[in-house]
Amino acid sequence: MSTVLIAGGASGIGRATALRLRAQGADVHIADIDLAGAEAVIAEAASKPGQGSASRVDLSAASAPRDAVEAALELTGRLDALVVCAALLVERTIEDFSVEDWDRTMALNLRAPFFLVQAAAPHLRASDAGRIVLIGSTAAFRGGTGSFAYAASKGGLVALTRSLAIGLAPDGTCVTCVCPGWIETAFNDPYWDRVGRTAGSREALEARIPLGAQGQPDDVAGLIAYLVSPDSRYLTGQSIVVDGGMLAS
């Protein structure tokens, strides 16, 4: 059995990942600011093999990454994989984007992943198959009209993945980044609130996606499950896009 810490697993891709890993027999700890949501995911998977636990952690706080790792270690005393899903999307016009918007985004989207890895690395080193999966975004590779800090933070995460992969390779720990495109979750609500939920807006968006629809959280969770498994032993330093072909079009 492997023990996996999912940072930001109460909803969306993190939730789908937690449920999939529990179904495969993994022990999963969810660290999330939404404790009730995290506990609901753990309860939903209660009939599955393995164990589950949750803790409330505001990952944008400086001490939170270490707190999250320590809480995860209480589950089984070991840590085999870290999945970082927690993120913040702020949508503003360039004139309205504030220093606070920028700093809040960077604290959660870029600073927290690094310090989560720092705290987890010694424990992953002791695993036979240490794995780290960071959740990026296709925003790292394309422009937008309101997600300035989000895009910058996800671009930084792609670059960070490469450096972490090289730095942790001697320990046998593999580091990858999954970059989803349009996945249908509430995380995208700030975008829709900014541009407006007009008639046909969803259809116009999906017309730009070669596969013709937004993805679902489980479309990303399946890839994450592979990346935290022993089967991914020779894959590290890569950012993998899951977007229905949108970037290729």
C-alpha atoms as a PDB file:
ATOM      1  CA  MET A   1       0.000   0.000   0.000  1.00  0.00           C
ATOM      2  CA  SER A   2       1.174   3.538  -0.738  1.00  0.00           C
ATOM      3  CA  THR A   3       0.412   6.613   1.345  1.00  0.00           C
ATOM      4  CA  VAL A   4      -0.466   9.742  -0.609  1.00  0.00           C
ATOM      5  CA  LEU A   5      -0.843  13.315   0.582  1.00  0.00           C
ATOM      6  CA  ILE A   6      -3.245  15.325  -1.563  1.00  0.00           C
ATOM      7  CA  ALA A   7      -2.942  19.040  -0.890  1.00  0.00           C
ATOM      8  CA  GLY A   8      -6.272  20.476  -1.974  1.00  0.00           C
ATOM      9  CA  GLY A   9      -8.413  17.363  -2.273  1.00  0.00           C
ATOM     10  CA  ALA A  10     -11.829  18.517  -1.087  1.00  0.00           C
ATOM     11  CA  SER A  11     -13.204  19.218  -4.556  1.00  0.00           C
ATOM     12  CA  GLY A  12     -12.566  19.057  -8.279  1.00  0.00           C
ATOM     13  CA  ILE A  13      -9.490  17.235  -9.544  1.00  0.00           C
ATOM     14  CA  GLY A  14      -8.157  16.640  -6.034  1.00  0.00           C
ATOM     15  CA  ARG A  15     -11.400  14.982  -4.959  1.00  0.00           C
ATOM     16  CA  ALA A  16     -11.493  12.769  -8.066  1.00  0.00           C
ATOM     17  CA  THR A  17      -7.869  11.791  -7.460  1.00  0.00           C
ATOM     18  CA  ALA A  18      -8.481  10.914  -3.825  1.00  0.00           C
ATOM     19  CA  LEU A  19     -11.453   8.696  -4.705  1.00  0.00           C
ATOM     20  CA  ARG A  20      -9.569   6.947  -7.495  1.00  0.00           C
ATOM     21  CA  LEU A  21      -6.518   6.273  -5.353  1.00  0.00           C
ATOM     22  CA  ARG A  22      -8.637   4.979  -2.471  1.00  0.00           C
ATOM     23  CA  ALA A  23     -10.423   2.658  -4.914  1.00  0.00           C
ATOM     24  CA  GLN A  24      -7.003   1.321  -5.894  1.00  0.00           C
ATOM     25  CA  GLY A  25      -6.147   0.610  -2.259  1.00  0.00           C
ATOM     26  CA  ALA A  26      -3.965   3.608  -1.395  1.00  0.00           C
ATOM     27  CA  ASP A  27      -3.973   5.334   1.977  1.00  0.00           C
ATOM     28  CA  VAL A  28      -4.873   8.983   1.385  1.00  0.00           C
ATOM     29  CA  HIS A  29      -4.598  12.088   3.539  1.00  0.00           C
ATOM     30  CA  ILE A  30      -6.317  15.238   2.293  1.00  0.00           C
ATOM     31  CA  ALA A  31      -5.028  18.608   3.512  1.00  0.00           C
ATOM     32  CA  ASP A  32      -7.427  21.385   2.589  1.00  0.00           C
ATOM     33  CA  ILE A  33      -8.753  24.679   3.903  1.00  0.00           C
ATOM     34  CA  ASP A  34     -12.233  23.160   3.445  1.00  0.00           C
ATOM     35  CA  LEU A  35     -12.119  20.551   6.210  1.00  0.00           C
ATOM     36  CA  ALA A  36     -15.790  19.615   5.881  1.00  0.00           C
ATOM     37  CA  GLY A  37     -15.339  18.977   2.173  1.00  0.00           C
ATOM     38  CA  ALA A  38     -12.183  16.942   2.750  1.00  0.00           C
ATOM     39  CA  GLU A  39     -13.869  14.842   5.424  1.00  0.00           C
ATOM     40  CA  ALA A  40     -16.804  14.239   3.091  1.00  0.00           C
ATOM     41  CA  VAL A  41     -14.429  12.823   0.457  1.00  0.00           C
ATOM     42  CA  ILE A  42     -12.809  10.553   3.036  1.00  0.00           C
ATOM     43  CA  ALA A  43     -16.246   9.387   4.184  1.00  0.00           C
ATOM     44  CA  GLU A  44     -17.315   8.732   0.605  1.00  0.00           C
ATOM     45  CA  ALA A  45     -14.362   6.375   0.182  1.00  0.00           C
ATOM     46  CA  ALA A  46     -14.771   4.689   3.570  1.00  0.00           C
ATOM     47  CA  SER A  47     -15.809   1.360   2.049  1.00  0.00           C
ATOM     48  CA  LYS A  48     -12.694   1.188  -0.108  1.00  0.00           C
ATOM     49  CA  PRO A  49      -9.506  -0.614   0.921  1.00  0.00           C
ATOM     50  CA  GLY A  50      -6.877   1.406   2.708  1.00  0.00           C
ATOM     51  CA  GLN A  51      -7.269   4.302   5.111  1.00  0.00           C
ATOM     52  CA  GLY A  52      -8.159   7.947   4.824  1.00  0.00           C
ATOM     53  CA  SER A  53      -7.806  11.085   6.918  1.00  0.00           C
ATOM     54  CA  ALA A  54      -8.152  14.826   6.562  1.00  0.00           C
ATOM     55  CA  SER A  55      -6.804  18.000   8.139  1.00  0.00           C
ATOM     56  CA  ARG A  56      -7.648  21.669   7.808  1.00  0.00           C
ATOM     57  CA  VAL A  57      -4.658  23.547   6.425  1.00  0.00           C
ATOM     58  CA  ASP A  58      -4.488  26.995   4.828  1.00  0.00           C
ATOM     59  CA  LEU A  59      -1.706  26.192   2.404  1.00  0.00           C
ATOM     60  CA  SER A  60      -1.043  29.848   1.667  1.00  0.00           C
ATOM     61  CA  ALA A  61       0.317  30.248   5.217  1.00  0.00           C
ATOM     62  CA  ALA A  62       4.083  29.892   5.610  1.00  0.00           C
ATOM     63  CA  SER A  63       3.904  27.079   8.182  1.00  0.00           C
ATOM     64  CA  ALA A  64       1.148  25.138   6.419  1.00  0.00           C
ATOM     65  CA  PRO A  65       3.214  22.876   4.119  1.00  0.00           C
ATOM     66  CA  ARG A  66       5.062  21.309   7.040  1.00  0.00           C
ATOM     67  CA  ASP A  67       1.821  20.999   9.000  1.00  0.00           C
ATOM     68  CA  ALA A  68       0.216  19.173   6.070  1.00  0.00           C
ATOM     69  CA  VAL A  69       3.072  16.698   5.784  1.00  0.00           C
ATOM     70  CA  GLU A  70       3.087  16.025   9.510  1.00  0.00           C
ATOM     71  CA  ALA A  71      -0.660  15.389   9.471  1.00  0.00           C
ATOM     72  CA  ALA A  72      -0.252  12.961   6.561  1.00  0.00           C
ATOM     73  CA  LEU A  73       2.460  11.047   8.423  1.00  0.00           C
ATOM     74  CA  GLU A  74       0.039  10.415  11.277  1.00  0.00           C
ATOM     75  CA  LEU A  75      -2.005   8.164   8.984  1.00  0.00           C
ATOM     76  CA  THR A  76       0.552   5.383   8.401  1.00  0.00           C
ATOM     77  CA  GLY A  77       3.914   6.801   9.464  1.00  0.00           C
ATOM     78  CA  ARG A  78       5.165   6.951   5.878  1.00  0.00           C
ATOM     79  CA  LEU A  79       4.724   8.998   2.724  1.00  0.00           C
ATOM     80  CA  ASP A  80       5.090   7.690  -0.810  1.00  0.00           C
ATOM     81  CA  ALA A  81       3.545  10.422  -2.932  1.00  0.00           C
ATOM     82  CA  LEU A  82       2.590  14.079  -2.840  1.00  0.00           C
ATOM     83  CA  VAL A  83      -0.086  15.536  -5.134  1.00  0.00           C
ATOM     84  CA  VAL A  84      -0.520  19.319  -5.044  1.00  0.00           C
ATOM     85  CA  CYS A  85      -3.913  20.402  -6.368  1.00  0.00           C
ATOM     86  CA  ALA A  86      -4.612  23.480  -4.233  1.00  0.00           C
ATOM     87  CA  ALA A  87      -4.747  26.678  -6.270  1.00  0.00           C
ATOM     88  CA  LEU A  88      -6.360  30.090  -6.548  1.00  0.00           C
ATOM     89  CA  LEU A  89      -7.773  31.715  -9.676  1.00  0.00           C
ATOM     90  CA  VAL A  90      -8.224  35.495  -9.537  1.00  0.00           C
ATOM     91  CA  GLU A  91      -9.788  37.086 -12.616  1.00  0.00           C
ATOM     92  CA  ARG A  92      -9.468  40.862 -12.944  1.00  0.00           C
ATOM     93  CA  THR A  93      -8.865  43.451 -15.627  1.00  0.00           C
ATOM     94  CA  ILE A  94      -5.269  44.601 -15.715  1.00  0.00           C
ATOM     95  CA  GLU A  95      -6.338  47.956 -14.230  1.00  0.00           C
ATOM     96  CA  ASP A  96      -8.058  46.299 -11.267  1.00  0.00           C
ATOM     97  CA  PHE A  97      -5.433  43.681 -10.438  1.00  0.00           C
ATOM     98  CA  SER A  98      -4.041  44.444  -6.974  1.00  0.00           C
ATOM     99  CA  VAL A  99      -0.845  43.617  -5.140  1.00  0.00           C
ATOM    100  CA  GLU A 100      -2.944  41.540  -2.747  1.00  0.00           C
ATOM    101  CA  ASP A 101      -4.431  39.551  -5.653  1.00  0.00           C
ATOM    102  CA  TRP A 102      -0.926  38.857  -6.965  1.00  0.00           C
ATOM    103  CA  ASP A 103       0.572  37.908  -3.605  1.00  0.00           C
ATOM    104  CA  ARG A 104      -2.327  35.638  -2.567  1.00  0.00           C
ATOM    105  CA  THR A 105      -2.080  33.793  -5.871  1.00  0.00           C
ATOM    106  CA  MET A 106       1.671  33.304  -5.711  1.00  0.00           C
ATOM    107  CA  ALA A 107       1.567  32.204  -2.071  1.00  0.00           C
ATOM    108  CA  LEU A 108      -0.822  29.342  -2.798  1.00  0.00           C
ATOM    109  CA  ASN A 109      -0.001  28.447  -6.406  1.00  0.00           C
ATOM    110  CA  LEU A 110       3.796  28.633  -6.399  1.00  0.00           C
ATOM    111  CA  ARG A 111       5.280  29.094  -2.931  1.00  0.00           C
ATOM    112  CA  ALA A 112       3.200  26.393  -1.235  1.00  0.00           C
ATOM    113  CA  PRO A 113       4.079  23.647  -3.758  1.00  0.00           C
ATOM    114  CA  PHE A 114       7.799  24.250  -3.281  1.00  0.00           C
ATOM    115  CA  PHE A 115       7.641  24.131   0.495  1.00  0.00           C
ATOM    116  CA  LEU A 116       5.334  21.115   0.437  1.00  0.00           C
ATOM    117  CA  VAL A 117       7.997  19.336  -1.607  1.00  0.00           C
ATOM    118  CA  GLN A 118      10.701  20.526   0.766  1.00  0.00           C
ATOM    119  CA  ALA A 119       8.808  19.128   3.759  1.00  0.00           C
ATOM    120  CA  ALA A 120       7.881  15.876   2.024  1.00  0.00           C
ATOM    121  CA  ALA A 121      11.240  15.133   0.354  1.00  0.00           C
ATOM    122  CA  PRO A 122      12.964  13.339   3.280  1.00  0.00           C
ATOM    123  CA  HIS A 123       9.989  11.009   3.682  1.00  0.00           C
ATOM    124  CA  LEU A 124       9.651  10.359  -0.050  1.00  0.00           C
ATOM    125  CA  ARG A 125      13.345   9.469  -0.115  1.00  0.00           C
ATOM    126  CA  ALA A 126      12.591   6.566   2.219  1.00  0.00           C
ATOM    127  CA  SER A 127       9.935   5.216  -0.152  1.00  0.00           C
ATOM    128  CA  ASP A 128      10.630   2.621  -2.827  1.00  0.00           C
ATOM    129  CA  ALA A 129       8.724   4.810  -5.296  1.00  0.00           C
ATOM    130  CA  GLY A 130       8.700   8.449  -4.203  1.00  0.00           C
ATOM    131  CA  ARG A 131       6.442  10.519  -6.436  1.00  0.00           C
ATOM    132  CA  ILE A 132       5.488  14.191  -6.654  1.00  0.00           C
ATOM    133  CA  VAL A 133       2.744  15.448  -8.971  1.00  0.00           C
ATOM    134  CA  LEU A 134       2.124  19.183  -9.237  1.00  0.00           C
ATOM    135  CA  ILE A 135      -1.046  20.418 -10.925  1.00  0.00           C
ATOM    136  CA  GLY A 136      -0.284  23.145 -13.429  1.00  0.00           C
ATOM    137  CA  SER A 137      -2.500  24.468 -16.196  1.00  0.00           C
ATOM    138  CA  THR A 138      -2.492  25.141 -19.910  1.00  0.00           C
ATOM    139  CA  ALA A 139      -2.499  28.779 -18.757  1.00  0.00           C
ATOM    140  CA  ALA A 140       1.257  28.258 -18.433  1.00  0.00           C
ATOM    141  CA  PHE A 141       1.443  28.023 -22.230  1.00  0.00           C
ATOM    142  CA  ARG A 142      -1.229  30.416 -23.507  1.00  0.00           C
ATOM    143  CA  GLY A 143      -2.360  33.935 -22.801  1.00  0.00           C
ATOM    144  CA  GLY A 144      -5.523  35.133 -21.110  1.00  0.00           C
ATOM    145  CA  THR A 145      -7.240  38.443 -20.510  1.00  0.00           C
ATOM    146  CA  GLY A 146      -7.702  38.315 -16.744  1.00  0.00           C
ATOM    147  CA  SER A 147      -5.734  35.487 -15.155  1.00  0.00           C
ATOM    148  CA  PHE A 148      -2.388  37.294 -15.004  1.00  0.00           C
ATOM    149  CA  ALA A 149      -1.079  35.988 -11.684  1.00  0.00           C
ATOM    150  CA  TYR A 150      -2.594  32.546 -12.225  1.00  0.00           C
ATOM    151  CA  ALA A 151      -0.864  32.119 -15.592  1.00  0.00           C
ATOM    152  CA  ALA A 152       2.439  33.400 -14.202  1.00  0.00           C
ATOM    153  CA  SER A 153       2.234  31.059 -11.205  1.00  0.00           C
ATOM    154  CA  LYS A 154       1.490  28.038 -13.377  1.00  0.00           C
ATOM    155  CA  GLY A 155       4.333  28.929 -15.731  1.00  0.00           C
ATOM    156  CA  GLY A 156       6.565  29.054 -12.678  1.00  0.00           C
ATOM    157  CA  LEU A 157       5.276  25.662 -11.598  1.00  0.00           C
ATOM    158  CA  VAL A 158       6.283  24.127 -14.935  1.00  0.00           C
ATOM    159  CA  ALA A 159       9.805  25.536 -14.529  1.00  0.00           C
ATOM    160  CA  LEU A 160       9.905  24.449 -10.885  1.00  0.00           C
ATOM    161  CA  THR A 161       8.999  20.899 -11.906  1.00  0.00           C
ATOM    162  CA  ARG A 162      12.140  20.619 -14.007  1.00  0.00           C
ATOM    163  CA  SER A 163      14.409  21.889 -11.242  1.00  0.00           C
ATOM    164  CA  LEU A 164      12.803  19.685  -8.605  1.00  0.00           C
ATOM    165  CA  ALA A 165      13.095  16.658 -10.861  1.00  0.00           C
ATOM    166  CA  ILE A 166      16.831  17.203 -11.253  1.00  0.00           C
ATOM    167  CA  GLY A 167      17.337  18.015  -7.588  1.00  0.00           C
ATOM    168  CA  LEU A 168      15.458  14.952  -6.322  1.00  0.00           C
ATOM    169  CA  ALA A 169      16.568  12.443  -8.951  1.00  0.00           C
ATOM    170  CA  PRO A 170      19.485  11.160  -6.810  1.00  0.00           C
ATOM    171  CA  ASP A 171      16.878  10.205  -4.178  1.00  0.00           C
ATOM    172  CA  GLY A 172      14.873   8.227  -6.733  1.00  0.00           C
ATOM    173  CA  THR A 173      11.928  10.633  -6.415  1.00  0.00           C
ATOM    174  CA  CYS A 174      10.132  11.434  -9.681  1.00  0.00           C
ATOM    175  CA  VAL A 175       8.530  14.860 -10.164  1.00  0.00           C
ATOM    176  CA  THR A 176       5.954  15.640 -12.837  1.00  0.00           C
ATOM    177  CA  CYS A 177       3.437  18.376 -13.601  1.00  0.00           C
ATOM    178  CA  VAL A 178      -0.044  17.770 -15.012  1.00  0.00           C
ATOM    179  CA  CYS A 179      -1.456  20.711 -16.959  1.00  0.00           C
ATOM    180  CA  PRO A 180      -5.221  20.501 -17.420  1.00  0.00           C
ATOM    181  CA  GLY A 181      -7.111  22.594 -19.916  1.00  0.00           C
ATOM    182  CA  TRP A 182     -10.810  23.291 -19.478  1.00  0.00           C
ATOM    183  CA  ILE A 183     -11.993  20.875 -16.800  1.00  0.00           C
ATOM    184  CA  GLU A 184     -15.609  21.364 -15.733  1.00  0.00           C
ATOM    185  CA  THR A 185     -15.379  22.316 -12.065  1.00  0.00           C
ATOM    186  CA  ALA A 186     -16.376  25.226  -9.843  1.00  0.00           C
ATOM    187  CA  PHE A 187     -12.730  26.335  -9.883  1.00  0.00           C
ATOM    188  CA  ASN A 188     -13.461  28.129 -13.165  1.00  0.00           C
ATOM    189  CA  ASP A 189     -16.306  30.213 -11.689  1.00  0.00           C
ATOM    190  CA  PRO A 190     -14.153  33.394 -11.390  1.00  0.00           C
ATOM    191  CA  TYR A 191     -13.614  33.274 -15.148  1.00  0.00           C
ATOM    192  CA  TRP A 192     -17.296  32.882 -15.913  1.00  0.00           C
ATOM    193  CA  ASP A 193     -18.151  35.618 -13.421  1.00  0.00           C
ATOM    194  CA  ARG A 194     -15.796  37.998 -15.218  1.00  0.00           C
ATOM    195  CA  VAL A 195     -16.789  37.253 -18.826  1.00  0.00           C
ATOM    196  CA  GLY A 196     -20.444  36.596 -18.095  1.00  0.00           C
ATOM    197  CA  ARG A 197     -22.512  33.448 -18.403  1.00  0.00           C
ATOM    198  CA  THR A 198     -24.255  34.468 -21.592  1.00  0.00           C
ATOM    199  CA  ALA A 199     -26.329  32.160 -23.738  1.00  0.00           C
ATOM    200  CA  GLY A 200     -24.000  30.168 -25.920  1.00  0.00           C
ATOM    201  CA  SER A 201     -20.827  31.030 -23.956  1.00  0.00           C
ATOM    202  CA  ARG A 202     -20.252  27.390 -22.989  1.00  0.00           C
ATOM    203  CA  GLU A 203     -20.917  26.255 -26.548  1.00  0.00           C
ATOM    204  CA  ALA A 204     -18.485  28.850 -27.903  1.00  0.00           C
ATOM    205  CA  LEU A 205     -15.786  27.648 -25.542  1.00  0.00           C
ATOM    206  CA  GLU A 206     -16.304  23.974 -26.323  1.00  0.00           C
ATOM    207  CA  ALA A 207     -16.258  24.699 -30.055  1.00  0.00           C
ATOM    208  CA  ARG A 208     -12.584  25.636 -29.610  1.00  0.00           C
ATOM    209  CA  ILE A 209     -11.768  22.215 -28.111  1.00  0.00           C
ATOM    210  CA  PRO A 210     -11.041  19.560 -30.780  1.00  0.00           C
ATOM    211  CA  LEU A 211     -12.690  16.798 -28.720  1.00  0.00           C
ATOM    212  CA  GLY A 212     -15.755  19.004 -28.455  1.00  0.00           C
ATOM    213  CA  ALA A 213     -16.279  19.202 -24.709  1.00  0.00           C
ATOM    214  CA  GLN A 214     -14.731  20.268 -21.441  1.00  0.00           C
ATOM    215  CA  GLY A 215     -12.968  17.527 -19.542  1.00  0.00           C
ATOM    216  CA  GLN A 216     -14.137  15.998 -16.285  1.00  0.00           C
ATOM    217  CA  PRO A 217     -12.040  15.739 -13.100  1.00  0.00           C
ATOM    218  CA  ASP A 218     -11.679  11.991 -13.548  1.00  0.00           C
ATOM    219  CA  ASP A 219      -9.998  12.567 -16.932  1.00  0.00           C
ATOM    220  CA  VAL A 220      -7.111  14.134 -15.023  1.00  0.00           C
ATOM    221  CA  ALA A 221      -7.264  11.834 -11.990  1.00  0.00           C
ATOM    222  CA  GLY A 222      -6.500   8.806 -14.142  1.00  0.00           C
ATOM    223  CA  LEU A 223      -3.231  10.332 -15.286  1.00  0.00           C
ATOM    224  CA  ILE A 224      -2.310  11.374 -11.749  1.00  0.00           C
ATOM    225  CA  ALA A 225      -2.951   7.838 -10.517  1.00  0.00           C
ATOM    226  CA  TYR A 226      -0.465   6.547 -13.086  1.00  0.00           C
ATOM    227  CA  LEU A 227       2.121   9.192 -12.208  1.00  0.00           C
ATOM    228  CA  VAL A 228       2.089   8.293  -8.492  1.00  0.00           C
ATOM    229  CA  SER A 229       2.365   4.571  -9.259  1.00  0.00           C
ATOM    230  CA  PRO A 230       5.555   2.495  -9.531  1.00  0.00           C
ATOM    231  CA  ASP A 231       4.853   2.184 -13.282  1.00  0.00           C
ATOM    232  CA  SER A 232       6.044   5.781 -13.805  1.00  0.00           C
ATOM    233  CA  ARG A 233       9.562   5.030 -12.552  1.00  0.00           C
ATOM    234  CA  TYR A 234      11.314   6.444 -15.659  1.00  0.00           C
ATOM    235  CA  LEU A 235       9.186   9.561 -16.088  1.00  0.00           C
ATOM    236  CA  THR A 236      10.344  12.756 -14.397  1.00  0.00           C
ATOM    237  CA  GLY A 237      10.743  16.461 -15.136  1.00  0.00           C
ATOM    238  CA  GLN A 238       7.859  16.530 -17.622  1.00  0.00           C
ATOM    239  CA  SER A 239       4.711  18.644 -17.856  1.00  0.00           C
ATOM    240  CA  ILE A 240       1.847  16.721 -19.421  1.00  0.00           C
ATOM    241  CA  VAL A 241      -1.116  18.525 -20.995  1.00  0.00           C
ATOM    242  CA  VAL A 242      -4.673  17.165 -20.634  1.00  0.00           C
ATOM    243  CA  ASP A 243      -6.877  19.523 -22.660  1.00  0.00           C
ATOM    244  CA  GLY A 244      -8.835  17.661 -25.323  1.00  0.00           C
ATOM    245  CA  GLY A 245      -6.393  18.861 -27.987  1.00  0.00           C
ATOM    246  CA  MET A 246      -6.939  22.604 -27.489  1.00  0.00           C
ATOM    247  CA  LEU A 247      -3.278  23.605 -27.384  1.00  0.00           C
ATOM    248  CA  ALA A 248      -2.594  21.518 -30.475  1.00  0.00           C
ATOM    249  CA  SER A 249      -5.293  23.228 -32.506  1.00  0.00           C
END
